[in-house]
Structures are given as C-alpha cells and as structure tokens.
mmCIF file of all heavy atoms, coordinates in Angstrom:
data_MODEL
# 
_entry.id   MODEL 
# 
loop_
_atom_site.group_PDB 
_atom_site.id 
_atom_site.type_symbol 
_atom_site.label_atom_id 
_atom_site.label_alt_id 
_atom_site.label_comp_id 
_atom_site.label_asym_id 
_atom_site.label_entity_id 
_atom_site.label_seq_id 
_atom_site.pdbx_PDB_ins_code 
_atom_site.Cartn_x 
_atom_site.Cartn_y 
_atom_site.Cartn_z 
_atom_site.occupancy 
_atom_site.B_iso_or_equiv 
_atom_site.pdbx_formal_charge 
_atom_site.auth_seq_id 
_atom_site.auth_comp_id 
_atom_site.auth_asym_id 
_atom_site.auth_atom_id 
_atom_site.pdbx_PDB_model_num 
ATOM 1   N N   . MET A 1 1  ? 0.835   -1.181 0.028   1.00 0.00 ? 1  MET A N   1 
ATOM 2   C CA  . MET A 1 1  ? -0.013  0.006  -0.058  1.00 0.00 ? 1  MET A CA  1 
ATOM 3   C C   . MET A 1 1  ? 0.822   1.227  0.013   1.00 0.00 ? 1  MET A C   1 
ATOM 4   O O   . MET A 1 1  ? 0.662   2.191  -0.838  1.00 0.00 ? 1  MET A O   1 
ATOM 5   C CB  . MET A 1 1  ? -0.931  0.044  1.237   1.00 0.00 ? 1  MET A CB  1 
ATOM 6   C CG  . MET A 1 1  ? -1.721  1.292  1.470   1.00 0.00 ? 1  MET A CG  1 
ATOM 7   S SD  . MET A 1 1  ? -2.861  1.699  -0.023  1.00 0.00 ? 1  MET A SD  1 
ATOM 8   C CE  . MET A 1 1  ? -4.271  0.546  0.341   1.00 0.00 ? 1  MET A CE  1 
ATOM 9   N N   . ALA A 1 2  ? 1.854   1.325  0.846   1.00 0.00 ? 2  ALA A N   1 
ATOM 10  C CA  . ALA A 1 2  ? 2.811   2.408  0.853   1.00 0.00 ? 2  ALA A CA  1 
ATOM 11  C C   . ALA A 1 2  ? 3.533   2.579  -0.384  1.00 0.00 ? 2  ALA A C   1 
ATOM 12  O O   . ALA A 1 2  ? 3.624   3.725  -0.967  1.00 0.00 ? 2  ALA A O   1 
ATOM 13  C CB  . ALA A 1 2  ? 3.852   2.240  2.009   1.00 0.00 ? 2  ALA A CB  1 
ATOM 14  N N   . PHE A 1 3  ? 3.966   1.458  -1.025  1.00 0.00 ? 3  PHE A N   1 
ATOM 15  C CA  . PHE A 1 3  ? 4.718   1.535  -2.341  1.00 0.00 ? 3  PHE A CA  1 
ATOM 16  C C   . PHE A 1 3  ? 3.782   2.077  -3.400  1.00 0.00 ? 3  PHE A C   1 
ATOM 17  O O   . PHE A 1 3  ? 4.155   3.000  -4.116  1.00 0.00 ? 3  PHE A O   1 
ATOM 18  C CB  . PHE A 1 3  ? 5.137   0.085  -2.706  1.00 0.00 ? 3  PHE A CB  1 
ATOM 19  C CG  . PHE A 1 3  ? 5.869   0.011  -3.974  1.00 0.00 ? 3  PHE A CG  1 
ATOM 20  C CD1 . PHE A 1 3  ? 7.236   0.293  -4.080  1.00 0.00 ? 3  PHE A CD1 1 
ATOM 21  C CD2 . PHE A 1 3  ? 5.184   -0.281 -5.170  1.00 0.00 ? 3  PHE A CD2 1 
ATOM 22  C CE1 . PHE A 1 3  ? 7.931   0.186  -5.353  1.00 0.00 ? 3  PHE A CE1 1 
ATOM 23  C CE2 . PHE A 1 3  ? 5.821   -0.422 -6.391  1.00 0.00 ? 3  PHE A CE2 1 
ATOM 24  C CZ  . PHE A 1 3  ? 7.281   -0.115 -6.460  1.00 0.00 ? 3  PHE A CZ  1 
ATOM 25  N N   . LEU A 1 4  ? 2.551   1.603  -3.490  1.00 0.00 ? 4  LEU A N   1 
ATOM 26  C CA  . LEU A 1 4  ? 1.652   2.104  -4.602  1.00 0.00 ? 4  LEU A CA  1 
ATOM 27  C C   . LEU A 1 4  ? 1.162   3.489  -4.391  1.00 0.00 ? 4  LEU A C   1 
ATOM 28  O O   . LEU A 1 4  ? 1.025   4.287  -5.322  1.00 0.00 ? 4  LEU A O   1 
ATOM 29  C CB  . LEU A 1 4  ? 0.432   1.122  -4.584  1.00 0.00 ? 4  LEU A CB  1 
ATOM 30  C CG  . LEU A 1 4  ? 0.645   -0.315 -5.092  1.00 0.00 ? 4  LEU A CG  1 
ATOM 31  C CD1 . LEU A 1 4  ? -0.585  -1.137 -4.996  1.00 0.00 ? 4  LEU A CD1 1 
ATOM 32  C CD2 . LEU A 1 4  ? 1.210   -0.338 -6.547  1.00 0.00 ? 4  LEU A CD2 1 
ATOM 33  N N   . VAL A 1 5  ? 0.932   3.947  -3.108  1.00 0.00 ? 5  VAL A N   1 
ATOM 34  C CA  . VAL A 1 5  ? 0.506   5.295  -2.824  1.00 0.00 ? 5  VAL A CA  1 
ATOM 35  C C   . VAL A 1 5  ? 1.615   6.223  -3.248  1.00 0.00 ? 5  VAL A C   1 
ATOM 36  O O   . VAL A 1 5  ? 1.353   7.322  -3.878  1.00 0.00 ? 5  VAL A O   1 
ATOM 37  C CB  . VAL A 1 5  ? 0.154   5.421  -1.399  1.00 0.00 ? 5  VAL A CB  1 
ATOM 38  C CG1 . VAL A 1 5  ? 0.035   6.893  -1.005  1.00 0.00 ? 5  VAL A CG1 1 
ATOM 39  C CG2 . VAL A 1 5  ? -1.115  4.777  -1.111  1.00 0.00 ? 5  VAL A CG2 1 
ATOM 40  N N   . ILE A 1 6  ? 2.821   5.986  -2.810  1.00 0.00 ? 6  ILE A N   1 
ATOM 41  C CA  . ILE A 1 6  ? 3.969   6.873  -3.229  1.00 0.00 ? 6  ILE A CA  1 
ATOM 42  C C   . ILE A 1 6  ? 4.193   6.876  -4.662  1.00 0.00 ? 6  ILE A C   1 
ATOM 43  O O   . ILE A 1 6  ? 4.344   8.039  -5.322  1.00 0.00 ? 6  ILE A O   1 
ATOM 44  C CB  . ILE A 1 6  ? 5.286   6.423  -2.530  1.00 0.00 ? 6  ILE A CB  1 
ATOM 45  C CG1 . ILE A 1 6  ? 5.054   6.457  -0.953  1.00 0.00 ? 6  ILE A CG1 1 
ATOM 46  C CG2 . ILE A 1 6  ? 6.412   7.264  -2.952  1.00 0.00 ? 6  ILE A CG2 1 
ATOM 47  C CD1 . ILE A 1 6  ? 6.192   5.820  -0.194  1.00 0.00 ? 6  ILE A CD1 1 
ATOM 48  N N   . LEU A 1 7  ? 4.155   5.763  -5.395  1.00 0.00 ? 7  LEU A N   1 
ATOM 49  C CA  . LEU A 1 7  ? 4.393   5.631  -6.804  1.00 0.00 ? 7  LEU A CA  1 
ATOM 50  C C   . LEU A 1 7  ? 3.294   6.458  -7.563  1.00 0.00 ? 7  LEU A C   1 
ATOM 51  O O   . LEU A 1 7  ? 3.547   7.195  -8.500  1.00 0.00 ? 7  LEU A O   1 
ATOM 52  C CB  . LEU A 1 7  ? 4.532   4.208  -7.190  1.00 0.00 ? 7  LEU A CB  1 
ATOM 53  C CG  . LEU A 1 7  ? 4.837   3.896  -8.679  1.00 0.00 ? 7  LEU A CG  1 
ATOM 54  C CD1 . LEU A 1 7  ? 6.154   4.507  -9.047  1.00 0.00 ? 7  LEU A CD1 1 
ATOM 55  C CD2 . LEU A 1 7  ? 4.755   2.420  -8.974  1.00 0.00 ? 7  LEU A CD2 1 
ATOM 56  N N   . SER A 1 8  ? 2.024   6.160  -7.160  1.00 0.00 ? 8  SER A N   1 
ATOM 57  C CA  . SER A 1 8  ? 0.891   6.796  -7.821  1.00 0.00 ? 8  SER A CA  1 
ATOM 58  C C   . SER A 1 8  ? 0.953   8.315  -7.622  1.00 0.00 ? 8  SER A C   1 
ATOM 59  O O   . SER A 1 8  ? 0.551   9.079  -8.553  1.00 0.00 ? 8  SER A O   1 
ATOM 60  C CB  . SER A 1 8  ? -0.371  6.226  -7.291  1.00 0.00 ? 8  SER A CB  1 
ATOM 61  O OG  . SER A 1 8  ? -0.571  6.429  -5.931  1.00 0.00 ? 8  SER A OG  1 
ATOM 62  N N   . SER A 1 9  ? 1.406   8.768  -6.490  1.00 0.00 ? 9  SER A N   1 
ATOM 63  C CA  . SER A 1 9  ? 1.491   10.239 -6.250  1.00 0.00 ? 9  SER A CA  1 
ATOM 64  C C   . SER A 1 9  ? 2.473   10.903 -7.180  1.00 0.00 ? 9  SER A C   1 
ATOM 65  O O   . SER A 1 9  ? 2.207   11.922 -7.699  1.00 0.00 ? 9  SER A O   1 
ATOM 66  C CB  . SER A 1 9  ? 1.892   10.501 -4.834  1.00 0.00 ? 9  SER A CB  1 
ATOM 67  O OG  . SER A 1 9  ? 3.170   10.092 -4.544  1.00 0.00 ? 9  SER A OG  1 
ATOM 68  N N   . HIS A 1 10 ? 3.533   10.199 -7.492  1.00 0.00 ? 10 HIS A N   1 
ATOM 69  C CA  . HIS A 1 10 ? 4.521   10.676 -8.425  1.00 0.00 ? 10 HIS A CA  1 
ATOM 70  C C   . HIS A 1 10 ? 3.921   10.692 -9.837  1.00 0.00 ? 10 HIS A C   1 
ATOM 71  O O   . HIS A 1 10 ? 4.141   11.681 -10.546 1.00 0.00 ? 10 HIS A O   1 
ATOM 72  C CB  . HIS A 1 10 ? 5.820   9.821  -8.350  1.00 0.00 ? 10 HIS A CB  1 
ATOM 73  C CG  . HIS A 1 10 ? 6.810   10.221 -7.330  1.00 0.00 ? 10 HIS A CG  1 
ATOM 74  N ND1 . HIS A 1 10 ? 7.917   10.978 -7.575  1.00 0.00 ? 10 HIS A ND1 1 
ATOM 75  C CD2 . HIS A 1 10 ? 6.826   10.002 -6.031  1.00 0.00 ? 10 HIS A CD2 1 
ATOM 76  C CE1 . HIS A 1 10 ? 8.589   11.216 -6.516  1.00 0.00 ? 10 HIS A CE1 1 
ATOM 77  N NE2 . HIS A 1 10 ? 7.949   10.630 -5.627  1.00 0.00 ? 10 HIS A NE2 1 
ATOM 78  N N   . LEU A 1 11 ? 3.232   9.660  -10.212 1.00 0.00 ? 11 LEU A N   1 
ATOM 79  C CA  . LEU A 1 11 ? 2.671   9.538  -11.580 1.00 0.00 ? 11 LEU A CA  1 
ATOM 80  C C   . LEU A 1 11 ? 1.545   10.480 -11.706 1.00 0.00 ? 11 LEU A C   1 
ATOM 81  O O   . LEU A 1 11 ? 1.333   11.139 -12.775 1.00 0.00 ? 11 LEU A O   1 
ATOM 82  C CB  . LEU A 1 11 ? 2.210   8.131  -11.815 1.00 0.00 ? 11 LEU A CB  1 
ATOM 83  C CG  . LEU A 1 11 ? 3.298   7.064  -11.899 1.00 0.00 ? 11 LEU A CG  1 
ATOM 84  C CD1 . LEU A 1 11 ? 2.649   5.777  -12.051 1.00 0.00 ? 11 LEU A CD1 1 
ATOM 85  C CD2 . LEU A 1 11 ? 4.231   7.365  -12.945 1.00 0.00 ? 11 LEU A CD2 1 
ATOM 86  N N   . SER A 1 12 ? 0.767   10.764 -10.653 1.00 0.00 ? 12 SER A N   1 
ATOM 87  C CA  . SER A 1 12 ? -0.340  11.724 -10.767 1.00 0.00 ? 12 SER A CA  1 
ATOM 88  C C   . SER A 1 12 ? 0.143   13.159 -10.841 1.00 0.00 ? 12 SER A C   1 
ATOM 89  O O   . SER A 1 12 ? -0.526  14.022 -11.496 1.00 0.00 ? 12 SER A O   1 
ATOM 90  C CB  . SER A 1 12 ? -1.288  11.550 -9.590  1.00 0.00 ? 12 SER A CB  1 
ATOM 91  O OG  . SER A 1 12 ? -0.683  11.868 -8.408  1.00 0.00 ? 12 SER A OG  1 
ATOM 92  N N   . LEU A 1 13 ? 1.196   13.425 -10.234 1.00 0.00 ? 13 LEU A N   1 
ATOM 93  C CA  . LEU A 1 13 ? 1.769   14.836 -10.250 1.00 0.00 ? 13 LEU A CA  1 
ATOM 94  C C   . LEU A 1 13 ? 2.302   15.140 -11.688 1.00 0.00 ? 13 LEU A C   1 
ATOM 95  O O   . LEU A 1 13 ? 2.210   16.335 -12.182 1.00 0.00 ? 13 LEU A O   1 
ATOM 96  C CB  . LEU A 1 13 ? 2.928   14.936 -9.238  1.00 0.00 ? 13 LEU A CB  1 
ATOM 97  C CG  . LEU A 1 13 ? 2.516   15.056 -7.805  1.00 0.00 ? 13 LEU A CG  1 
ATOM 98  C CD1 . LEU A 1 13 ? 3.698   15.051 -6.911  1.00 0.00 ? 13 LEU A CD1 1 
ATOM 99  C CD2 . LEU A 1 13 ? 1.574   16.237 -7.558  1.00 0.00 ? 13 LEU A CD2 1 
ATOM 100 N N   . SER A 1 14 ? 2.813   14.104 -12.333 1.00 0.00 ? 14 SER A N   1 
ATOM 101 C CA  . SER A 1 14 ? 3.359   14.322 -13.713 1.00 0.00 ? 14 SER A CA  1 
ATOM 102 C C   . SER A 1 14 ? 2.214   14.320 -14.757 1.00 0.00 ? 14 SER A C   1 
ATOM 103 O O   . SER A 1 14 ? 2.503   14.628 -15.935 1.00 0.00 ? 14 SER A O   1 
ATOM 104 C CB  . SER A 1 14 ? 4.407   13.274 -13.985 1.00 0.00 ? 14 SER A CB  1 
ATOM 105 O OG  . SER A 1 14 ? 3.800   11.912 -13.991 1.00 0.00 ? 14 SER A OG  1 
ATOM 106 N N   . SER A 1 15 ? 1.036   13.897 -14.325 1.00 0.00 ? 15 SER A N   1 
ATOM 107 C CA  . SER A 1 15 ? -0.112  13.870 -15.325 1.00 0.00 ? 15 SER A CA  1 
ATOM 108 C C   . SER A 1 15 ? -1.211  14.725 -14.834 1.00 0.00 ? 15 SER A C   1 
ATOM 109 O O   . SER A 1 15 ? -1.743  14.537 -13.703 1.00 0.00 ? 15 SER A O   1 
ATOM 110 C CB  . SER A 1 15 ? -0.584  12.355 -15.455 1.00 0.00 ? 15 SER A CB  1 
ATOM 111 O OG  . SER A 1 15 ? -1.766  12.331 -16.244 1.00 0.00 ? 15 SER A OG  1 
ATOM 112 N N   . GLY A 1 16 ? -1.557  15.660 -15.675 1.00 0.00 ? 16 GLY A N   1 
ATOM 113 C CA  . GLY A 1 16 ? -2.651  16.578 -15.248 1.00 0.00 ? 16 GLY A CA  1 
ATOM 114 C C   . GLY A 1 16 ? -4.041  16.152 -15.623 1.00 0.00 ? 16 GLY A C   1 
ATOM 115 O O   . GLY A 1 16 ? -4.981  16.735 -15.271 1.00 0.00 ? 16 GLY A O   1 
ATOM 116 N N   . CYS A 1 17 ? -4.107  15.056 -16.244 1.00 0.00 ? 17 CYS A N   1 
ATOM 117 C CA  . CYS A 1 17 ? -5.450  14.535 -16.805 1.00 0.00 ? 17 CYS A CA  1 
ATOM 118 C C   . CYS A 1 17 ? -6.185  13.831 -15.582 1.00 0.00 ? 17 CYS A C   1 
ATOM 119 O O   . CYS A 1 17 ? -5.689  12.920 -15.044 1.00 0.00 ? 17 CYS A O   1 
ATOM 120 C CB  . CYS A 1 17 ? -5.189  13.594 -17.987 1.00 0.00 ? 17 CYS A CB  1 
ATOM 121 S SG  . CYS A 1 17 ? -6.730  12.836 -18.656 1.00 0.00 ? 17 CYS A SG  1 
ATOM 122 N N   . ARG A 1 18 ? -7.388  14.303 -15.440 1.00 0.00 ? 18 ARG A N   1 
ATOM 123 C CA  . ARG A 1 18 ? -8.176  13.806 -14.356 1.00 0.00 ? 18 ARG A CA  1 
ATOM 124 C C   . ARG A 1 18 ? -8.605  12.295 -14.517 1.00 0.00 ? 18 ARG A C   1 
ATOM 125 O O   . ARG A 1 18 ? -8.582  11.432 -13.613 1.00 0.00 ? 18 ARG A O   1 
ATOM 126 C CB  . ARG A 1 18 ? -9.490  14.595 -14.147 1.00 0.00 ? 18 ARG A CB  1 
ATOM 127 C CG  . ARG A 1 18 ? -10.387 14.202 -13.019 1.00 0.00 ? 18 ARG A CG  1 
ATOM 128 C CD  . ARG A 1 18 ? -11.491 15.192 -12.871 1.00 0.00 ? 18 ARG A CD  1 
ATOM 129 N NE  . ARG A 1 18 ? -12.353 14.760 -11.674 1.00 0.00 ? 18 ARG A NE  1 
ATOM 130 C CZ  . ARG A 1 18 ? -13.311 13.898 -11.827 1.00 0.00 ? 18 ARG A CZ  1 
ATOM 131 N NH1 . ARG A 1 18 ? -13.653 13.290 -12.998 1.00 0.00 ? 18 ARG A NH1 1 
ATOM 132 N NH2 . ARG A 1 18 ? -14.142 13.588 -10.734 1.00 0.00 ? 18 ARG A NH2 1 
ATOM 133 N N   . ASN A 1 19 ? -8.841  11.918 -15.866 1.00 0.00 ? 19 ASN A N   1 
ATOM 134 C CA  . ASN A 1 19 ? -9.263  10.577 -16.186 1.00 0.00 ? 19 ASN A CA  1 
ATOM 135 C C   . ASN A 1 19 ? -8.162  9.616  -15.884 1.00 0.00 ? 19 ASN A C   1 
ATOM 136 O O   . ASN A 1 19 ? -8.275  8.449  -15.443 1.00 0.00 ? 19 ASN A O   1 
ATOM 137 C CB  . ASN A 1 19 ? -9.703  10.485 -17.640 1.00 0.00 ? 19 ASN A CB  1 
ATOM 138 C CG  . ASN A 1 19 ? -11.010 11.150 -17.901 1.00 0.00 ? 19 ASN A CG  1 
ATOM 139 O OD1 . ASN A 1 19 ? -11.881 11.319 -16.917 1.00 0.00 ? 19 ASN A OD1 1 
ATOM 140 N ND2 . ASN A 1 19 ? -11.200 11.648 -19.148 1.00 0.00 ? 19 ASN A ND2 1 
ATOM 141 N N   . ARG A 1 20 ? -6.921  10.123 -16.161 1.00 0.00 ? 20 ARG A N   1 
ATOM 142 C CA  . ARG A 1 20 ? -5.787  9.233  -15.915 1.00 0.00 ? 20 ARG A CA  1 
ATOM 143 C C   . ARG A 1 20 ? -5.523  8.989  -14.424 1.00 0.00 ? 20 ARG A C   1 
ATOM 144 O O   . ARG A 1 20 ? -5.169  7.941  -13.955 1.00 0.00 ? 20 ARG A O   1 
ATOM 145 C CB  . ARG A 1 20 ? -4.561  9.841  -16.617 1.00 0.00 ? 20 ARG A CB  1 
ATOM 146 C CG  . ARG A 1 20 ? -4.381  9.799  -18.030 1.00 0.00 ? 20 ARG A CG  1 
ATOM 147 C CD  . ARG A 1 20 ? -3.170  10.404 -18.591 1.00 0.00 ? 20 ARG A CD  1 
ATOM 148 N NE  . ARG A 1 20 ? -3.101  10.318 -20.017 1.00 0.00 ? 20 ARG A NE  1 
ATOM 149 C CZ  . ARG A 1 20 ? -2.015  10.764 -20.751 1.00 0.00 ? 20 ARG A CZ  1 
ATOM 150 N NH1 . ARG A 1 20 ? -0.987  11.216 -20.062 1.00 0.00 ? 20 ARG A NH1 1 
ATOM 151 N NH2 . ARG A 1 20 ? -2.102  10.683 -22.085 1.00 0.00 ? 20 ARG A NH2 1 
ATOM 152 N N   . LYS A 1 21 ? -5.817  10.076 -13.612 1.00 0.00 ? 21 LYS A N   1 
ATOM 153 C CA  . LYS A 1 21 ? -5.711  9.854  -12.229 1.00 0.00 ? 21 LYS A CA  1 
ATOM 154 C C   . LYS A 1 21 ? -6.734  8.842  -11.629 1.00 0.00 ? 21 LYS A C   1 
ATOM 155 O O   . LYS A 1 21 ? -6.378  8.063  -10.789 1.00 0.00 ? 21 LYS A O   1 
ATOM 156 C CB  . LYS A 1 21 ? -5.898  11.217 -11.485 1.00 0.00 ? 21 LYS A CB  1 
ATOM 157 C CG  . LYS A 1 21 ? -4.740  12.202 -11.675 1.00 0.00 ? 21 LYS A CG  1 
ATOM 158 C CD  . LYS A 1 21 ? -5.016  13.501 -11.006 1.00 0.00 ? 21 LYS A CD  1 
ATOM 159 C CE  . LYS A 1 21 ? -3.778  14.483 -11.289 1.00 0.00 ? 21 LYS A CE  1 
ATOM 160 N NZ  . LYS A 1 21 ? -3.988  15.711 -10.445 1.00 0.00 ? 21 LYS A NZ  1 
ATOM 161 N N   . VAL A 1 22 ? -7.872  8.947  -12.198 1.00 0.00 ? 22 VAL A N   1 
ATOM 162 C CA  . VAL A 1 22 ? -9.013  8.003  -11.731 1.00 0.00 ? 22 VAL A CA  1 
ATOM 163 C C   . VAL A 1 22 ? -8.642  6.552  -12.089 1.00 0.00 ? 22 VAL A C   1 
ATOM 164 O O   . VAL A 1 22 ? -8.784  5.612  -11.279 1.00 0.00 ? 22 VAL A O   1 
ATOM 165 C CB  . VAL A 1 22 ? -10.315 8.390  -12.374 1.00 0.00 ? 22 VAL A CB  1 
ATOM 166 C CG1 . VAL A 1 22 ? -11.415 7.243  -12.085 1.00 0.00 ? 22 VAL A CG1 1 
ATOM 167 C CG2 . VAL A 1 22 ? -10.804 9.691  -11.819 1.00 0.00 ? 22 VAL A CG2 1 
ATOM 168 N N   . LEU A 1 23 ? -8.140  6.359  -13.301 1.00 0.00 ? 23 LEU A N   1 
ATOM 169 C CA  . LEU A 1 23 ? -7.604  5.071  -13.750 1.00 0.00 ? 23 LEU A CA  1 
ATOM 170 C C   . LEU A 1 23 ? -6.511  4.587  -12.836 1.00 0.00 ? 23 LEU A C   1 
ATOM 171 O O   . LEU A 1 23 ? -6.395  3.398  -12.441 1.00 0.00 ? 23 LEU A O   1 
ATOM 172 C CB  . LEU A 1 23 ? -7.191  5.188  -15.281 1.00 0.00 ? 23 LEU A CB  1 
ATOM 173 C CG  . LEU A 1 23 ? -6.632  3.836  -15.753 1.00 0.00 ? 23 LEU A CG  1 
ATOM 174 C CD1 . LEU A 1 23 ? -7.667  2.726  -15.769 1.00 0.00 ? 23 LEU A CD1 1 
ATOM 175 C CD2 . LEU A 1 23 ? -6.188  4.140  -17.244 1.00 0.00 ? 23 LEU A CD2 1 
ATOM 176 N N   . LEU A 1 24 ? -5.514  5.507  -12.546 1.00 0.00 ? 24 LEU A N   1 
ATOM 177 C CA  . LEU A 1 24 ? -4.431  5.117  -11.724 1.00 0.00 ? 24 LEU A CA  1 
ATOM 178 C C   . LEU A 1 24 ? -4.825  4.667  -10.338 1.00 0.00 ? 24 LEU A C   1 
ATOM 179 O O   . LEU A 1 24 ? -4.318  3.644  -9.880  1.00 0.00 ? 24 LEU A O   1 
ATOM 180 C CB  . LEU A 1 24 ? -3.443  6.387  -11.616 1.00 0.00 ? 24 LEU A CB  1 
ATOM 181 C CG  . LEU A 1 24 ? -2.158  6.193  -10.863 1.00 0.00 ? 24 LEU A CG  1 
ATOM 182 C CD1 . LEU A 1 24 ? -1.279  5.133  -11.583 1.00 0.00 ? 24 LEU A CD1 1 
ATOM 183 C CD2 . LEU A 1 24 ? -1.505  7.484  -10.732 1.00 0.00 ? 24 LEU A CD2 1 
ATOM 184 N N   . TYR A 1 25 ? -5.642  5.393  -9.701  1.00 0.00 ? 25 TYR A N   1 
ATOM 185 C CA  . TYR A 1 25 ? -6.111  4.998  -8.363  1.00 0.00 ? 25 TYR A CA  1 
ATOM 186 C C   . TYR A 1 25 ? -7.024  3.777  -8.336  1.00 0.00 ? 25 TYR A C   1 
ATOM 187 O O   . TYR A 1 25 ? -7.088  3.062  -7.443  1.00 0.00 ? 25 TYR A O   1 
ATOM 188 C CB  . TYR A 1 25 ? -6.826  6.174  -7.658  1.00 0.00 ? 25 TYR A CB  1 
ATOM 189 C CG  . TYR A 1 25 ? -5.817  7.251  -7.256  1.00 0.00 ? 25 TYR A CG  1 
ATOM 190 C CD1 . TYR A 1 25 ? -5.862  8.507  -7.889  1.00 0.00 ? 25 TYR A CD1 1 
ATOM 191 C CD2 . TYR A 1 25 ? -4.827  7.066  -6.369  1.00 0.00 ? 25 TYR A CD2 1 
ATOM 192 C CE1 . TYR A 1 25 ? -4.861  9.552  -7.569  1.00 0.00 ? 25 TYR A CE1 1 
ATOM 193 C CE2 . TYR A 1 25 ? -3.923  8.040  -5.912  1.00 0.00 ? 25 TYR A CE2 1 
ATOM 194 C CZ  . TYR A 1 25 ? -3.965  9.200  -6.573  1.00 0.00 ? 25 TYR A CZ  1 
ATOM 195 O OH  . TYR A 1 25 ? -3.010  10.213 -6.236  1.00 0.00 ? 25 TYR A OH  1 
ATOM 196 N N   . SER A 1 26 ? -7.678  3.522  -9.456  1.00 0.00 ? 26 SER A N   1 
ATOM 197 C CA  . SER A 1 26 ? -8.480  2.312  -9.677  1.00 0.00 ? 26 SER A CA  1 
ATOM 198 C C   . SER A 1 26 ? -7.618  1.150  -9.757  1.00 0.00 ? 26 SER A C   1 
ATOM 199 O O   . SER A 1 26 ? -7.929  0.102  -9.120  1.00 0.00 ? 26 SER A O   1 
ATOM 200 C CB  . SER A 1 26 ? -9.419  2.421  -10.890 1.00 0.00 ? 26 SER A CB  1 
ATOM 201 O OG  . SER A 1 26 ? -10.343 3.485  -10.776 1.00 0.00 ? 26 SER A OG  1 
ATOM 202 N N   . LEU A 1 27 ? -6.512  1.285  -10.431 1.00 0.00 ? 27 LEU A N   1 
ATOM 203 C CA  . LEU A 1 27 ? -5.504  0.153  -10.507 1.00 0.00 ? 27 LEU A CA  1 
ATOM 204 C C   . LEU A 1 27 ? -4.896  -0.091 -9.122  1.00 0.00 ? 27 LEU A C   1 
ATOM 205 O O   . LEU A 1 27 ? -4.723  -1.255 -8.759  1.00 0.00 ? 27 LEU A O   1 
ATOM 206 C CB  . LEU A 1 27 ? -4.318  0.550  -11.423 1.00 0.00 ? 27 LEU A CB  1 
ATOM 207 C CG  . LEU A 1 27 ? -4.840  0.551  -12.948 1.00 0.00 ? 27 LEU A CG  1 
ATOM 208 C CD1 . LEU A 1 27 ? -3.623  1.036  -13.872 1.00 0.00 ? 27 LEU A CD1 1 
ATOM 209 C CD2 . LEU A 1 27 ? -5.273  -0.823 -13.445 1.00 0.00 ? 27 LEU A CD2 1 
# 
C-alpha cells in the first residue's frame, strides 16, 4: 500500500489529466 501510494502520487503529479488519475487510483 505504501509503495503504490507513493508511486501513484509521483505519476499523478506528472499527469494533469483527471481521467488518468482516476484510472491510476482504480489500479
């Protein structure tokens, strides 16, 4: 959980698309 939260936070910061963020957190 810690690994995925930190990794997803880095990826979401580099991506401004809201749909991509929703997909990322769904994964």
